[in-house]
N, C-alpha and C. Protein backbone atom coordinates (compact mmCIF):
# COMPACT_ATOMS: atom_id res chain seq x y z
N MET A 1 -170.23 -12.67 -27.70
CA MET A 1 -170.80 -11.36 -27.41
C MET A 1 -169.87 -10.61 -26.47
N THR A 2 -169.52 -9.41 -26.83
CA THR A 2 -168.64 -8.60 -25.98
C THR A 2 -169.44 -7.45 -25.41
N THR A 3 -169.11 -7.11 -24.18
CA THR A 3 -169.75 -5.95 -23.58
C THR A 3 -168.75 -4.82 -23.62
N GLU A 4 -169.19 -3.70 -24.08
CA GLU A 4 -168.32 -2.55 -24.24
C GLU A 4 -168.16 -1.83 -22.90
N GLN A 5 -166.93 -1.59 -22.53
CA GLN A 5 -166.65 -0.88 -21.29
C GLN A 5 -166.92 0.61 -21.50
N PRO A 6 -167.50 1.27 -20.51
CA PRO A 6 -167.74 2.71 -20.65
C PRO A 6 -166.41 3.47 -20.70
N VAL A 7 -166.42 4.55 -21.44
CA VAL A 7 -165.22 5.37 -21.56
C VAL A 7 -165.29 6.50 -20.54
N PHE A 8 -164.32 6.51 -19.64
CA PHE A 8 -164.21 7.61 -18.69
C PHE A 8 -162.74 7.76 -18.32
N GLU A 9 -162.40 8.95 -17.89
CA GLU A 9 -161.01 9.24 -17.52
C GLU A 9 -160.95 9.64 -16.06
N TYR A 10 -159.81 9.34 -15.43
CA TYR A 10 -159.55 9.81 -14.08
C TYR A 10 -158.06 9.68 -13.80
N ASP A 11 -157.61 10.31 -12.76
CA ASP A 11 -156.21 10.29 -12.36
C ASP A 11 -155.91 9.00 -11.60
N ARG A 12 -155.38 8.02 -12.29
CA ARG A 12 -155.10 6.71 -11.68
C ARG A 12 -153.98 6.78 -10.64
N ASP A 13 -153.09 7.75 -10.78
CA ASP A 13 -151.96 7.88 -9.85
C ASP A 13 -152.37 8.25 -8.43
N ILE A 14 -153.58 8.77 -8.27
CA ILE A 14 -154.01 9.23 -6.95
C ILE A 14 -154.63 8.12 -6.10
N ILE A 15 -155.02 7.02 -6.73
CA ILE A 15 -155.68 5.93 -6.02
C ILE A 15 -154.77 5.39 -4.91
N GLY A 16 -155.33 5.35 -3.70
CA GLY A 16 -154.62 4.77 -2.56
C GLY A 16 -153.67 5.70 -1.84
N LYS A 17 -153.40 6.88 -2.37
CA LYS A 17 -152.50 7.82 -1.70
C LYS A 17 -153.27 8.58 -0.64
N GLN A 18 -152.71 8.65 0.55
CA GLN A 18 -153.40 9.30 1.67
C GLN A 18 -152.95 10.75 1.81
N PHE A 19 -153.92 11.64 2.01
CA PHE A 19 -153.67 13.06 2.16
C PHE A 19 -154.20 13.52 3.52
N GLU A 20 -153.39 14.28 4.25
CA GLU A 20 -153.85 14.81 5.52
C GLU A 20 -154.74 16.02 5.26
N LEU A 21 -155.92 16.02 5.89
CA LEU A 21 -156.88 17.11 5.72
C LEU A 21 -156.76 18.17 6.80
N GLY A 22 -156.16 17.82 7.93
CA GLY A 22 -156.02 18.76 9.02
C GLY A 22 -156.38 18.13 10.35
N SER A 23 -156.23 18.93 11.39
CA SER A 23 -156.49 18.48 12.76
C SER A 23 -157.30 19.53 13.49
N GLN A 24 -158.09 19.08 14.44
CA GLN A 24 -158.83 19.99 15.31
C GLN A 24 -158.93 19.39 16.70
N GLU A 25 -158.87 20.28 17.69
CA GLU A 25 -159.06 19.85 19.07
C GLU A 25 -160.55 19.73 19.36
N ILE A 26 -160.90 18.68 20.05
CA ILE A 26 -162.29 18.48 20.47
C ILE A 26 -162.43 19.03 21.89
N THR A 27 -163.07 20.15 22.00
CA THR A 27 -163.23 20.80 23.30
C THR A 27 -164.58 20.44 23.90
N ARG A 28 -164.69 20.66 25.19
CA ARG A 28 -165.98 20.44 25.88
C ARG A 28 -167.04 21.37 25.27
N GLU A 29 -166.65 22.59 24.92
CA GLU A 29 -167.59 23.54 24.32
C GLU A 29 -168.06 23.06 22.94
N ARG A 30 -167.16 22.51 22.16
CA ARG A 30 -167.55 21.98 20.84
C ARG A 30 -168.57 20.85 21.00
N ILE A 31 -168.34 19.98 21.97
CA ILE A 31 -169.27 18.89 22.25
C ILE A 31 -170.62 19.45 22.67
N ARG A 32 -170.61 20.45 23.55
CA ARG A 32 -171.86 21.06 24.02
C ARG A 32 -172.65 21.66 22.86
N ARG A 33 -171.97 22.42 22.00
CA ARG A 33 -172.64 23.06 20.85
C ARG A 33 -173.19 22.01 19.88
N PHE A 34 -172.41 20.97 19.62
CA PHE A 34 -172.85 19.91 18.71
C PHE A 34 -174.13 19.27 19.25
N CYS A 35 -174.14 18.95 20.54
CA CYS A 35 -175.32 18.34 21.16
C CYS A 35 -176.51 19.29 21.14
N GLU A 36 -176.27 20.55 21.38
CA GLU A 36 -177.34 21.54 21.39
C GLU A 36 -178.00 21.64 20.01
N VAL A 37 -177.20 21.70 18.95
CA VAL A 37 -177.73 21.82 17.59
C VAL A 37 -178.57 20.60 17.22
N LEU A 38 -178.12 19.42 17.64
CA LEU A 38 -178.84 18.19 17.29
C LEU A 38 -179.97 17.85 18.25
N GLY A 39 -180.05 18.55 19.37
CA GLY A 39 -181.03 18.20 20.38
C GLY A 39 -180.64 16.94 21.14
N GLU A 40 -179.35 16.64 21.16
CA GLU A 40 -178.83 15.44 21.83
C GLU A 40 -178.89 15.63 23.33
N THR A 41 -179.46 14.65 24.04
CA THR A 41 -179.59 14.76 25.49
C THR A 41 -178.95 13.60 26.25
N ASN A 42 -178.25 12.72 25.54
CA ASN A 42 -177.60 11.59 26.21
C ASN A 42 -176.62 12.13 27.25
N PRO A 43 -176.77 11.74 28.53
CA PRO A 43 -175.90 12.28 29.58
C PRO A 43 -174.42 11.93 29.40
N LEU A 44 -174.10 10.91 28.62
CA LEU A 44 -172.68 10.62 28.35
C LEU A 44 -172.02 11.75 27.58
N PHE A 45 -172.83 12.54 26.87
CA PHE A 45 -172.32 13.64 26.06
C PHE A 45 -172.59 15.01 26.68
N THR A 46 -173.58 15.09 27.60
CA THR A 46 -174.07 16.40 28.03
C THR A 46 -173.95 16.69 29.51
N ASP A 47 -173.77 15.69 30.34
CA ASP A 47 -173.84 15.89 31.79
C ASP A 47 -172.57 15.38 32.45
N ASP A 48 -171.73 16.31 32.89
CA ASP A 48 -170.43 15.95 33.49
C ASP A 48 -170.60 15.01 34.68
N GLU A 49 -171.56 15.30 35.54
CA GLU A 49 -171.74 14.49 36.74
C GLU A 49 -172.21 13.07 36.40
N ALA A 50 -173.22 12.97 35.55
CA ALA A 50 -173.74 11.66 35.17
C ALA A 50 -172.69 10.87 34.38
N ALA A 51 -171.97 11.55 33.48
CA ALA A 51 -170.95 10.86 32.68
C ALA A 51 -169.80 10.36 33.53
N ALA A 52 -169.50 11.06 34.63
CA ALA A 52 -168.41 10.63 35.51
C ALA A 52 -168.67 9.25 36.10
N SER A 53 -169.94 8.91 36.29
CA SER A 53 -170.25 7.60 36.84
C SER A 53 -170.58 6.59 35.74
N GLY A 54 -170.41 6.99 34.50
CA GLY A 54 -170.70 6.11 33.36
C GLY A 54 -169.49 5.26 32.98
N PRO A 55 -169.59 4.55 31.88
CA PRO A 55 -168.55 3.59 31.47
C PRO A 55 -167.21 4.24 31.08
N TYR A 56 -167.20 5.54 30.76
CA TYR A 56 -165.97 6.19 30.31
C TYR A 56 -165.37 7.12 31.36
N GLY A 57 -166.08 7.33 32.46
CA GLY A 57 -165.57 8.13 33.56
C GLY A 57 -165.62 9.62 33.35
N ALA A 58 -166.09 10.06 32.21
CA ALA A 58 -166.20 11.50 31.91
C ALA A 58 -167.02 11.65 30.63
N VAL A 59 -167.34 12.89 30.32
CA VAL A 59 -168.06 13.20 29.09
C VAL A 59 -167.22 12.76 27.90
N ILE A 60 -167.90 12.21 26.89
CA ILE A 60 -167.26 11.89 25.61
C ILE A 60 -168.03 12.61 24.51
N ALA A 61 -167.43 12.65 23.32
CA ALA A 61 -168.08 13.28 22.17
C ALA A 61 -169.05 12.30 21.52
N PRO A 62 -170.18 12.79 21.03
CA PRO A 62 -171.07 11.93 20.25
C PRO A 62 -170.29 11.39 19.03
N PRO A 63 -170.53 10.17 18.64
CA PRO A 63 -169.76 9.58 17.54
C PRO A 63 -169.78 10.40 16.25
N GLY A 64 -170.88 11.05 15.94
CA GLY A 64 -170.97 11.81 14.69
C GLY A 64 -170.21 13.11 14.68
N LEU A 65 -169.70 13.55 15.81
CA LEU A 65 -169.02 14.85 15.86
C LEU A 65 -167.80 14.89 14.94
N VAL A 66 -167.01 13.83 14.89
CA VAL A 66 -165.80 13.88 14.05
C VAL A 66 -166.15 14.05 12.58
N TYR A 67 -167.29 13.53 12.15
CA TYR A 67 -167.68 13.66 10.74
C TYR A 67 -168.08 15.09 10.38
N SER A 68 -168.35 15.90 11.39
CA SER A 68 -168.78 17.28 11.14
C SER A 68 -167.62 18.28 11.14
N LEU A 69 -166.41 17.83 11.42
CA LEU A 69 -165.28 18.75 11.48
C LEU A 69 -165.04 19.40 10.12
N GLN A 70 -164.77 20.69 10.14
CA GLN A 70 -164.48 21.44 8.93
C GLN A 70 -162.97 21.39 8.70
N LEU A 71 -162.55 20.55 7.79
CA LEU A 71 -161.14 20.37 7.52
C LEU A 71 -160.84 20.66 6.06
N GLY A 72 -159.60 20.46 5.63
CA GLY A 72 -159.19 20.79 4.27
C GLY A 72 -159.82 19.93 3.20
N GLN A 73 -159.55 20.32 1.96
CA GLN A 73 -160.05 19.59 0.80
C GLN A 73 -159.31 18.26 0.65
N GLY A 74 -160.02 17.25 0.25
CA GLY A 74 -159.41 15.95 0.00
C GLY A 74 -158.90 15.83 -1.42
N PRO A 75 -158.36 14.67 -1.75
CA PRO A 75 -157.84 14.45 -3.10
C PRO A 75 -158.96 14.43 -4.13
N ASP A 76 -158.60 14.77 -5.36
CA ASP A 76 -159.55 14.81 -6.47
C ASP A 76 -159.12 13.79 -7.52
N ALA A 77 -160.00 12.86 -7.83
CA ALA A 77 -159.68 11.84 -8.82
C ALA A 77 -159.77 12.38 -10.25
N LYS A 78 -160.25 13.61 -10.40
CA LYS A 78 -160.37 14.27 -11.70
C LYS A 78 -161.12 13.41 -12.73
N VAL A 79 -162.28 12.91 -12.30
CA VAL A 79 -163.09 12.07 -13.18
C VAL A 79 -163.67 12.93 -14.31
N VAL A 80 -163.53 12.42 -15.52
CA VAL A 80 -164.13 13.07 -16.68
C VAL A 80 -165.19 12.10 -17.20
N PHE A 81 -166.44 12.36 -16.80
CA PHE A 81 -167.55 11.54 -17.24
C PHE A 81 -168.85 12.21 -16.82
N GLY A 82 -169.76 12.33 -17.73
CA GLY A 82 -171.10 12.82 -17.43
C GLY A 82 -171.17 14.29 -17.08
N GLN A 83 -172.41 14.72 -16.81
CA GLN A 83 -172.66 16.12 -16.49
C GLN A 83 -173.23 16.31 -15.09
N ALA A 84 -173.45 15.21 -14.37
CA ALA A 84 -174.05 15.32 -13.03
C ALA A 84 -173.23 14.49 -12.04
N THR A 85 -173.09 15.04 -10.84
CA THR A 85 -172.41 14.33 -9.76
C THR A 85 -173.29 14.42 -8.53
N PHE A 86 -173.43 13.30 -7.81
CA PHE A 86 -174.24 13.32 -6.60
C PHE A 86 -173.71 12.32 -5.59
N HIS A 87 -174.10 12.55 -4.35
CA HIS A 87 -173.71 11.69 -3.23
C HIS A 87 -174.51 10.40 -3.32
N ALA A 88 -173.80 9.26 -3.25
CA ALA A 88 -174.48 7.97 -3.40
C ALA A 88 -174.50 7.16 -2.11
N GLY A 89 -174.02 7.74 -1.02
CA GLY A 89 -174.09 7.04 0.26
C GLY A 89 -172.77 7.02 0.99
N GLU A 90 -172.85 6.62 2.25
CA GLU A 90 -171.63 6.50 3.04
C GLU A 90 -171.82 5.46 4.13
N ARG A 91 -170.70 4.97 4.59
CA ARG A 91 -170.68 3.94 5.63
C ARG A 91 -169.69 4.40 6.69
N ALA A 92 -170.15 4.45 7.93
CA ALA A 92 -169.30 4.92 9.04
C ALA A 92 -168.87 3.75 9.90
N GLU A 93 -167.64 3.85 10.39
CA GLU A 93 -167.09 2.87 11.32
C GLU A 93 -166.68 3.62 12.58
N LEU A 94 -167.08 3.14 13.73
CA LEU A 94 -166.68 3.73 15.00
C LEU A 94 -165.70 2.78 15.68
N HIS A 95 -164.54 3.29 16.06
CA HIS A 95 -163.50 2.44 16.62
C HIS A 95 -163.18 2.74 18.08
N ASP A 96 -163.24 4.00 18.48
CA ASP A 96 -162.89 4.37 19.85
C ASP A 96 -163.62 5.67 20.20
N VAL A 97 -163.72 5.96 21.49
CA VAL A 97 -164.38 7.20 21.91
C VAL A 97 -163.45 8.38 21.73
N VAL A 98 -164.05 9.55 21.56
CA VAL A 98 -163.33 10.80 21.48
C VAL A 98 -163.69 11.59 22.73
N ARG A 99 -162.66 12.13 23.37
CA ARG A 99 -162.85 12.85 24.64
C ARG A 99 -162.47 14.32 24.49
N PRO A 100 -163.00 15.17 25.35
CA PRO A 100 -162.55 16.56 25.34
C PRO A 100 -161.03 16.60 25.52
N GLY A 101 -160.39 17.44 24.73
CA GLY A 101 -158.93 17.54 24.77
C GLY A 101 -158.24 16.73 23.70
N ASP A 102 -158.94 15.75 23.11
CA ASP A 102 -158.35 14.99 22.02
C ASP A 102 -158.16 15.89 20.80
N VAL A 103 -157.08 15.67 20.09
CA VAL A 103 -156.84 16.35 18.82
C VAL A 103 -157.05 15.30 17.73
N VAL A 104 -158.07 15.53 16.92
CA VAL A 104 -158.44 14.57 15.88
C VAL A 104 -157.86 15.04 14.54
N THR A 105 -157.18 14.10 13.88
CA THR A 105 -156.59 14.36 12.57
C THR A 105 -157.30 13.49 11.54
N ALA A 106 -157.64 14.09 10.40
CA ALA A 106 -158.30 13.36 9.33
C ALA A 106 -157.33 13.17 8.17
N ARG A 107 -157.34 11.95 7.64
CA ARG A 107 -156.56 11.62 6.44
C ARG A 107 -157.50 10.94 5.46
N GLN A 108 -157.38 11.33 4.19
CA GLN A 108 -158.32 10.82 3.19
C GLN A 108 -157.57 10.28 1.98
N GLN A 109 -158.19 9.28 1.37
CA GLN A 109 -157.66 8.72 0.13
C GLN A 109 -158.81 8.39 -0.81
N ILE A 110 -158.51 8.39 -2.09
CA ILE A 110 -159.44 7.85 -3.07
C ILE A 110 -159.18 6.35 -3.05
N LYS A 111 -160.16 5.60 -2.61
CA LYS A 111 -159.99 4.15 -2.46
C LYS A 111 -160.22 3.43 -3.78
N ASP A 112 -161.21 3.92 -4.58
CA ASP A 112 -161.53 3.21 -5.81
C ASP A 112 -162.30 4.12 -6.74
N VAL A 113 -162.17 3.86 -8.04
CA VAL A 113 -162.98 4.49 -9.08
C VAL A 113 -163.39 3.37 -10.02
N PHE A 114 -164.69 3.24 -10.26
CA PHE A 114 -165.16 2.16 -11.12
C PHE A 114 -166.49 2.53 -11.76
N ALA A 115 -166.82 1.85 -12.84
CA ALA A 115 -168.07 2.10 -13.55
C ALA A 115 -169.01 0.92 -13.39
N LYS A 116 -170.29 1.22 -13.37
CA LYS A 116 -171.35 0.21 -13.38
C LYS A 116 -172.38 0.65 -14.42
N THR A 117 -172.88 -0.31 -15.15
CA THR A 117 -173.92 0.00 -16.13
C THR A 117 -175.16 -0.81 -15.78
N GLY A 118 -176.27 -0.13 -15.71
CA GLY A 118 -177.54 -0.76 -15.39
C GLY A 118 -178.62 -0.27 -16.32
N ARG A 119 -179.86 -0.45 -15.91
CA ARG A 119 -181.01 -0.06 -16.74
C ARG A 119 -181.01 1.43 -17.08
N SER A 120 -180.51 2.24 -16.15
CA SER A 120 -180.56 3.69 -16.39
C SER A 120 -179.29 4.21 -17.04
N GLY A 121 -178.37 3.32 -17.38
CA GLY A 121 -177.15 3.76 -18.04
C GLY A 121 -175.92 3.54 -17.18
N THR A 122 -174.84 4.16 -17.59
CA THR A 122 -173.56 4.00 -16.90
C THR A 122 -173.38 5.07 -15.84
N MET A 123 -172.83 4.64 -14.72
CA MET A 123 -172.48 5.55 -13.64
C MET A 123 -171.04 5.25 -13.24
N VAL A 124 -170.27 6.28 -12.94
CA VAL A 124 -168.90 6.12 -12.47
C VAL A 124 -168.87 6.50 -10.99
N PHE A 125 -168.41 5.56 -10.17
CA PHE A 125 -168.36 5.73 -8.72
C PHE A 125 -166.96 6.11 -8.28
N VAL A 126 -166.89 7.06 -7.36
CA VAL A 126 -165.63 7.44 -6.71
C VAL A 126 -165.82 7.17 -5.22
N VAL A 127 -164.99 6.30 -4.67
CA VAL A 127 -165.09 5.94 -3.25
C VAL A 127 -163.92 6.56 -2.50
N ARG A 128 -164.25 7.41 -1.52
CA ARG A 128 -163.25 8.06 -0.66
C ARG A 128 -163.31 7.43 0.72
N ARG A 129 -162.16 7.22 1.32
CA ARG A 129 -162.10 6.75 2.71
C ARG A 129 -161.37 7.80 3.52
N THR A 130 -162.04 8.25 4.60
CA THR A 130 -161.44 9.21 5.52
C THR A 130 -161.27 8.52 6.86
N GLU A 131 -160.05 8.56 7.38
CA GLU A 131 -159.77 7.98 8.69
C GLU A 131 -159.47 9.10 9.67
N PHE A 132 -160.01 8.99 10.88
CA PHE A 132 -159.85 9.97 11.93
C PHE A 132 -159.05 9.32 13.06
N THR A 133 -157.93 9.92 13.42
CA THR A 133 -157.12 9.41 14.51
C THR A 133 -156.98 10.47 15.58
N ASN A 134 -156.72 10.03 16.82
CA ASN A 134 -156.47 11.00 17.89
C ASN A 134 -154.98 11.29 17.99
N GLN A 135 -154.60 12.10 18.97
CA GLN A 135 -153.21 12.53 19.13
C GLN A 135 -152.26 11.38 19.46
N HIS A 136 -152.80 10.23 19.81
CA HIS A 136 -151.98 9.05 20.12
C HIS A 136 -151.83 8.15 18.89
N GLY A 137 -152.45 8.55 17.76
CA GLY A 137 -152.42 7.74 16.55
C GLY A 137 -153.46 6.64 16.53
N THR A 138 -154.37 6.64 17.50
CA THR A 138 -155.43 5.63 17.58
C THR A 138 -156.54 5.98 16.60
N LEU A 139 -156.93 5.01 15.78
CA LEU A 139 -158.06 5.20 14.88
C LEU A 139 -159.33 5.29 15.71
N VAL A 140 -160.04 6.43 15.61
CA VAL A 140 -161.28 6.59 16.37
C VAL A 140 -162.51 6.40 15.49
N ALA A 141 -162.39 6.69 14.21
CA ALA A 141 -163.52 6.55 13.29
C ALA A 141 -163.03 6.56 11.86
N ALA A 142 -163.86 6.06 10.98
CA ALA A 142 -163.59 6.11 9.54
C ALA A 142 -164.92 6.22 8.81
N VAL A 143 -164.88 6.80 7.64
CA VAL A 143 -166.08 6.88 6.83
C VAL A 143 -165.69 6.65 5.37
N GLU A 144 -166.50 5.85 4.69
CA GLU A 144 -166.34 5.68 3.25
C GLU A 144 -167.53 6.33 2.58
N GLN A 145 -167.22 7.21 1.65
CA GLN A 145 -168.25 7.99 0.97
C GLN A 145 -168.17 7.71 -0.53
N SER A 146 -169.31 7.49 -1.15
CA SER A 146 -169.36 7.26 -2.60
C SER A 146 -170.04 8.44 -3.28
N MET A 147 -169.41 8.88 -4.36
CA MET A 147 -169.98 9.90 -5.23
C MET A 147 -170.17 9.26 -6.59
N VAL A 148 -171.21 9.67 -7.29
CA VAL A 148 -171.51 9.11 -8.61
C VAL A 148 -171.47 10.22 -9.65
N HIS A 149 -170.86 9.89 -10.77
CA HIS A 149 -170.87 10.75 -11.96
C HIS A 149 -171.72 10.03 -12.99
N ARG A 150 -172.63 10.77 -13.61
CA ARG A 150 -173.45 10.12 -14.63
C ARG A 150 -173.82 11.10 -15.72
N GLU A 151 -174.14 10.52 -16.86
CA GLU A 151 -174.60 11.32 -17.98
C GLU A 151 -176.05 11.65 -17.78
N VAL A 152 -176.44 12.83 -18.21
CA VAL A 152 -177.82 13.28 -18.09
C VAL A 152 -178.35 13.50 -19.51
N ASN A 153 -179.45 12.86 -19.79
CA ASN A 153 -180.07 13.06 -21.11
C ASN A 153 -180.75 14.41 -21.13
N ARG A 154 -180.37 15.21 -22.05
CA ARG A 154 -181.00 16.54 -22.21
C ARG A 154 -181.79 16.50 -23.51
N GLY A 155 -183.06 16.52 -23.36
CA GLY A 155 -183.81 16.41 -24.61
C GLY A 155 -185.14 16.95 -24.58
């Protein structure tokens, strides 16, 4: 018995190539606004005096701030499959703190493209990995995001 592999196309040459998305400075004001929008009240992020006596000696950015940076477009695997695309999840890694004055640079790659077939049919997954480094080249965070392409029955 043979199982038929789903037919889909994508740009195989792009897999594993890293693209720089851009850099942004993390200012004290950016941290303040981010905390205000989220209702964040942790004194490590919001209170200069309290943070000075904390483990980092000064205010730091909330870990999620780097994921909210508006940077350039990432690589496109040019998947040709299905009529619907949706976000299938993400996994974040925190490596180091981000401080006011840090310049964070994001680099992204298409890590993998693969198909899975289950009860609801075939889905093609595109996994992107974005790494965030500071001005010293230190990895501060990374995120892996999966997008799914699937066929939609129209009937």
